[in-house]
Structure formats: C-alpha cells, structure tokens
Amino acid sequence: MGKVTKIGNTRLKVNVQIYLEQMYSEGRELAVHVDFTFVAIDEDKKPVQVIKLFLMNNQI
C-alpha cells in the first residue's frame, strides 16, 4: 500500500508498506515499510513547486 504523507513546496513524501500473504491462510505479515521522498524538477533539473507541476500536467 502506498500513501502520500506530506506535500511540501518542491517535495512530496510517500509511505509504502508491503505485506506478505500466504495463499491458503488468514492474515498477513509486514515485510517492508519505507518512506520515499520525491523532488519535482524541471527540464534543467532545478526544483520546481509541486503544485505548479501538477497544474501544468493537468492542463493537457
């Protein structure tokens, strides 16, 4: 499962949890829990505002 946990000016943080499940048994077990930080960049690899990038991509 993945969930955006924080949106900053140029970054957003995504929390990801991966579980193991046995095919013929009940329940599940947490296998991996990690936070990823993504930085929005432009064509010149300079940080840009996340909201500006979102609006530009959704105008098409």
N, C-alpha and C. Protein backbone atom coordinates (compact mmCIF):
# COMPACT_ATOMS: atom_id res chain seq x y z
N MET A 1 0.84 -1.17 0.00
CA MET A 1 0.00 0.00 0.00
C MET A 1 0.89 1.23 0.00
N GLY A 2 0.47 2.25 -0.69
CA GLY A 2 1.21 3.50 -0.72
C GLY A 2 0.31 4.67 -0.40
N LYS A 3 0.87 5.68 0.28
CA LYS A 3 0.08 6.84 0.68
C LYS A 3 0.97 8.06 0.73
N VAL A 4 0.52 9.16 0.13
CA VAL A 4 1.24 10.43 0.23
C VAL A 4 1.04 10.94 1.66
N THR A 5 2.15 11.16 2.38
CA THR A 5 2.05 11.58 3.78
C THR A 5 2.40 13.04 3.99
N LYS A 6 3.09 13.65 3.02
CA LYS A 6 3.45 15.06 3.17
C LYS A 6 3.69 15.67 1.80
N ILE A 7 3.16 16.87 1.60
CA ILE A 7 3.41 17.63 0.37
C ILE A 7 4.06 18.94 0.78
N GLY A 8 5.27 19.15 0.29
CA GLY A 8 5.98 20.39 0.58
C GLY A 8 6.00 21.30 -0.63
N ASN A 9 6.86 22.28 -0.61
CA ASN A 9 6.96 23.23 -1.71
C ASN A 9 7.47 22.56 -2.99
N THR A 10 8.55 21.79 -2.88
CA THR A 10 9.12 21.13 -4.05
C THR A 10 9.20 19.61 -3.89
N ARG A 11 8.75 19.10 -2.75
CA ARG A 11 8.87 17.67 -2.45
C ARG A 11 7.55 17.08 -2.01
N LEU A 12 7.46 15.76 -2.16
CA LEU A 12 6.38 15.04 -1.53
C LEU A 12 6.92 13.74 -0.99
N LYS A 13 6.33 13.30 0.12
CA LYS A 13 6.78 12.09 0.79
C LYS A 13 5.69 11.03 0.66
N VAL A 14 6.11 9.82 0.26
CA VAL A 14 5.19 8.70 0.07
C VAL A 14 5.61 7.57 1.01
N ASN A 15 4.66 7.11 1.80
CA ASN A 15 4.90 5.98 2.70
C ASN A 15 4.40 4.72 2.00
N VAL A 16 5.25 3.69 1.93
CA VAL A 16 4.89 2.43 1.27
C VAL A 16 5.05 1.29 2.27
N GLN A 17 4.02 0.44 2.32
CA GLN A 17 4.06 -0.76 3.15
C GLN A 17 3.74 -1.95 2.26
N ILE A 18 4.59 -2.97 2.34
CA ILE A 18 4.40 -4.20 1.56
C ILE A 18 4.21 -5.35 2.53
N TYR A 19 3.17 -6.13 2.29
CA TYR A 19 2.83 -7.24 3.17
C TYR A 19 3.00 -8.57 2.46
N LEU A 20 3.32 -9.60 3.24
CA LEU A 20 3.35 -10.97 2.76
C LEU A 20 2.04 -11.65 3.14
N GLU A 21 1.48 -12.38 2.21
CA GLU A 21 0.26 -13.14 2.48
C GLU A 21 0.45 -14.56 1.97
N GLN A 22 0.13 -15.53 2.78
CA GLN A 22 0.16 -16.92 2.35
C GLN A 22 -1.14 -17.22 1.61
N MET A 23 -1.07 -17.99 0.56
CA MET A 23 -2.22 -18.22 -0.29
C MET A 23 -3.39 -18.87 0.44
N TYR A 24 -3.14 -19.82 1.33
CA TYR A 24 -4.23 -20.59 1.94
C TYR A 24 -4.34 -20.36 3.45
N SER A 25 -3.88 -19.22 3.94
CA SER A 25 -4.01 -18.96 5.37
C SER A 25 -4.50 -17.53 5.59
N GLU A 26 -4.99 -17.30 6.79
CA GLU A 26 -5.51 -15.99 7.16
C GLU A 26 -4.35 -15.07 7.56
N GLY A 27 -4.61 -13.78 7.48
CA GLY A 27 -3.66 -12.80 7.96
C GLY A 27 -2.56 -12.46 6.97
N ARG A 28 -1.76 -11.51 7.40
CA ARG A 28 -0.63 -11.07 6.59
C ARG A 28 0.46 -10.56 7.51
N GLU A 29 1.67 -10.43 6.98
CA GLU A 29 2.82 -10.02 7.77
C GLU A 29 3.52 -8.86 7.05
N LEU A 30 3.81 -7.80 7.79
CA LEU A 30 4.51 -6.66 7.22
C LEU A 30 5.93 -7.07 6.82
N ALA A 31 6.27 -6.89 5.55
CA ALA A 31 7.59 -7.27 5.05
C ALA A 31 8.50 -6.06 4.89
N VAL A 32 7.96 -4.95 4.36
CA VAL A 32 8.75 -3.75 4.10
C VAL A 32 7.93 -2.52 4.44
N HIS A 33 8.57 -1.58 5.12
CA HIS A 33 7.94 -0.30 5.44
C HIS A 33 8.98 0.77 5.14
N VAL A 34 8.67 1.66 4.18
CA VAL A 34 9.67 2.63 3.75
C VAL A 34 9.00 3.95 3.38
N ASP A 35 9.74 5.05 3.55
CA ASP A 35 9.29 6.37 3.12
C ASP A 35 10.17 6.81 1.95
N PHE A 36 9.53 7.22 0.86
CA PHE A 36 10.24 7.77 -0.29
C PHE A 36 10.00 9.26 -0.34
N THR A 37 11.02 10.03 -0.66
CA THR A 37 10.88 11.47 -0.88
C THR A 37 11.17 11.75 -2.34
N PHE A 38 10.21 12.38 -3.00
CA PHE A 38 10.35 12.74 -4.41
C PHE A 38 10.46 14.25 -4.52
N VAL A 39 11.38 14.72 -5.36
CA VAL A 39 11.57 16.15 -5.59
C VAL A 39 11.15 16.45 -7.02
N ALA A 40 10.27 17.44 -7.18
CA ALA A 40 9.81 17.85 -8.51
C ALA A 40 10.91 18.71 -9.16
N ILE A 41 11.28 18.34 -10.39
CA ILE A 41 12.31 19.10 -11.10
C ILE A 41 11.82 19.45 -12.51
N ASP A 42 12.41 20.49 -13.06
CA ASP A 42 12.07 20.89 -14.42
C ASP A 42 13.05 20.26 -15.41
N GLU A 43 12.99 20.70 -16.66
CA GLU A 43 13.84 20.14 -17.71
C GLU A 43 15.33 20.36 -17.44
N ASP A 44 15.65 21.42 -16.67
CA ASP A 44 17.04 21.74 -16.33
C ASP A 44 17.47 21.13 -15.00
N LYS A 45 16.65 20.22 -14.48
CA LYS A 45 16.90 19.53 -13.20
C LYS A 45 16.97 20.49 -12.02
N LYS A 46 16.21 21.58 -12.10
CA LYS A 46 16.08 22.54 -11.00
C LYS A 46 14.76 22.25 -10.28
N PRO A 47 14.74 22.32 -8.93
CA PRO A 47 13.49 22.08 -8.21
C PRO A 47 12.41 23.08 -8.61
N VAL A 48 11.18 22.57 -8.74
CA VAL A 48 10.02 23.42 -9.04
C VAL A 48 8.93 23.11 -8.02
N GLN A 49 7.99 24.04 -7.89
CA GLN A 49 6.90 23.84 -6.95
C GLN A 49 6.03 22.65 -7.37
N VAL A 50 5.69 21.82 -6.42
CA VAL A 50 4.88 20.63 -6.70
C VAL A 50 3.53 21.04 -7.27
N ILE A 51 2.87 22.03 -6.71
CA ILE A 51 1.54 22.43 -7.17
C ILE A 51 1.61 22.95 -8.60
N LYS A 52 2.66 23.70 -8.95
CA LYS A 52 2.81 24.22 -10.31
C LYS A 52 2.97 23.06 -11.30
N LEU A 53 3.77 22.06 -10.94
CA LEU A 53 3.97 20.90 -11.80
C LEU A 53 2.65 20.15 -11.99
N PHE A 54 1.87 19.99 -10.93
CA PHE A 54 0.58 19.31 -11.00
C PHE A 54 -0.37 20.05 -11.94
N LEU A 55 -0.44 21.37 -11.80
CA LEU A 55 -1.34 22.16 -12.66
C LEU A 55 -0.91 22.11 -14.12
N MET A 56 0.41 22.16 -14.38
CA MET A 56 0.89 22.10 -15.76
C MET A 56 0.53 20.78 -16.41
N ASN A 57 0.66 19.68 -15.68
CA ASN A 57 0.39 18.35 -16.24
C ASN A 57 -1.11 18.10 -16.44
N ASN A 58 -1.95 18.78 -15.70
CA ASN A 58 -3.39 18.55 -15.81
C ASN A 58 -4.09 19.52 -16.75
N GLN A 59 -3.37 20.43 -17.38
CA GLN A 59 -3.96 21.36 -18.34
C GLN A 59 -4.08 20.73 -19.72
N ILE A 60 -3.42 19.62 -19.95
CA ILE A 60 -3.42 18.99 -21.28
C ILE A 60 -4.74 18.32 -21.54
